[in-house]
């Protein structure tokens, strides 16, 4: 079971964008995700008249490692770690490590 999913609210714990909060847009692989308005890079593009694209400098999100993120806990309004708990019926759920509350019952 993955600890982070699309749509989760996360806070950056380390790196250039430390302290920023955003929503996961896409999970790239097991170690990287795209987060809204975090890790913004400038990309220089050439014009392509066949596709009707103009050239210039565009800003876009770049993937960030999951190890630099923490889940936003709405109860404590702080960053929190994520754990996995197995219920009595064998179902796995994600929990916040600080208070043990379930994130979702999937």
Protein backbone atom coordinates (compact mmCIF):
# COMPACT_ATOMS: atom_id res chain seq x y z
CA UNK A 1 0.00 0.00 0.00
CA UNK A 2 1.31 3.43 -0.93
CA UNK A 3 1.53 6.06 1.77
CA UNK A 4 0.87 9.01 -0.56
CA UNK A 5 -1.88 9.25 -3.18
CA UNK A 6 -3.18 11.74 -5.70
CA UNK A 7 -5.17 14.48 -3.97
CA UNK A 8 -3.37 14.28 -0.61
CA UNK A 9 -2.41 17.56 1.11
CA UNK A 10 1.31 17.55 1.84
CA UNK A 11 3.93 19.91 3.25
CA UNK A 12 7.55 19.99 2.07
CA UNK A 13 9.85 19.07 4.96
CA UNK A 14 13.25 19.54 3.28
CA UNK A 15 14.81 21.31 0.34
CA UNK A 16 14.41 24.59 -1.47
CA UNK A 17 10.65 24.77 -0.94
CA UNK A 18 10.65 23.80 2.75
CA UNK A 19 7.40 24.75 4.48
CA UNK A 20 5.28 25.01 1.33
CA UNK A 21 1.93 23.25 1.27
CA UNK A 22 0.33 21.72 -1.80
CA UNK A 23 -1.76 18.93 -3.24
CA UNK A 24 -0.33 15.88 -5.00
CA UNK A 25 -1.20 16.14 -8.70
CA UNK A 26 0.33 12.88 -9.90
CA UNK A 27 2.37 9.99 -8.52
CA UNK A 28 5.30 9.44 -10.91
CA UNK A 29 6.74 6.25 -9.38
CA UNK A 30 7.42 4.81 -5.94
CA UNK A 31 9.77 7.66 -5.00
CA UNK A 32 8.59 10.79 -6.84
CA UNK A 33 5.41 12.84 -7.04
CA UNK A 34 4.24 16.11 -8.63
CA UNK A 35 2.94 18.64 -6.09
CA UNK A 36 0.92 21.73 -7.01
CA UNK A 37 3.01 24.97 -6.80
CA UNK A 38 6.06 23.18 -5.35
CA UNK A 39 9.48 22.71 -7.00
CA UNK A 40 8.72 25.16 -9.82
CA UNK A 41 11.37 25.21 -12.58
CA UNK A 42 11.74 27.36 -15.70
CA UNK A 43 11.82 25.54 -19.03
CA UNK A 44 13.03 27.20 -22.22
CA UNK A 45 11.01 26.09 -25.25
CA UNK A 46 11.56 26.64 -28.95
CA UNK A 47 8.66 27.75 -31.12
CA UNK A 48 7.01 25.02 -33.21
CA UNK A 49 4.96 26.52 -36.07
CA UNK A 50 3.62 23.08 -37.09
CA UNK A 51 1.87 22.67 -33.73
CA UNK A 52 1.13 26.37 -33.32
CA UNK A 53 3.28 26.70 -30.21
CA UNK A 54 5.12 29.89 -29.36
CA UNK A 55 8.56 29.81 -27.84
CA UNK A 56 9.61 31.31 -24.55
CA UNK A 57 10.18 30.51 -20.91
CA UNK A 58 7.45 28.56 -19.12
CA UNK A 59 7.24 27.65 -15.45
CA UNK A 60 6.14 24.16 -14.50
CA UNK A 61 6.21 21.74 -11.59
CA UNK A 62 9.06 19.30 -11.37
CA UNK A 63 8.87 15.98 -9.50
CA UNK A 64 9.90 15.94 -5.83
CA UNK A 65 11.00 12.96 -3.76
CA UNK A 66 8.49 11.50 -1.33
CA UNK A 67 11.14 11.46 1.42
CA UNK A 68 11.04 15.28 1.43
CA UNK A 69 7.28 15.39 2.04
CA UNK A 70 5.02 14.98 5.04
CA UNK A 71 1.25 14.61 5.18
CA UNK A 72 -0.74 17.62 6.44
CA UNK A 73 -2.73 16.68 9.54
CA UNK A 74 -5.90 18.85 9.72
CA UNK A 75 -6.42 18.03 13.41
CA UNK A 76 -3.06 19.36 14.62
CA UNK A 77 -2.57 21.70 11.62
CA UNK A 78 1.02 20.43 11.30
CA UNK A 79 3.06 18.03 9.21
CA UNK A 80 2.78 14.40 10.23
CA UNK A 81 4.18 11.03 9.26
CA UNK A 82 2.04 8.34 7.66
CA UNK A 83 1.76 4.76 8.83
CA UNK A 84 -0.20 1.71 7.73
CA UNK A 85 -2.43 -0.24 10.09
CA UNK A 86 -4.14 -3.57 9.47
CA UNK A 87 -7.68 -3.75 10.84
CA UNK A 88 -9.31 -6.86 12.32
CA UNK A 89 -10.95 -7.75 9.01
CA UNK A 90 -7.56 -7.65 7.22
CA UNK A 91 -8.12 -4.30 5.56
CA UNK A 92 -5.15 -1.91 5.41
CA UNK A 93 -5.68 1.78 6.20
CA UNK A 94 -3.38 4.79 6.36
CA UNK A 95 -3.04 6.50 9.74
CA UNK A 96 -1.34 9.59 11.16
CA UNK A 97 1.58 8.53 13.36
CA UNK A 98 1.11 11.24 16.00
CA UNK A 99 -2.50 10.50 16.99
CA UNK A 100 -3.27 7.20 15.23
CA UNK A 101 -6.31 8.61 13.44
CA UNK A 102 -7.25 7.09 10.08
CA UNK A 103 -6.62 9.19 6.98
CA UNK A 104 -9.05 7.21 4.85
CA UNK A 105 -10.78 3.87 4.95
CA UNK A 106 -9.87 2.44 1.54
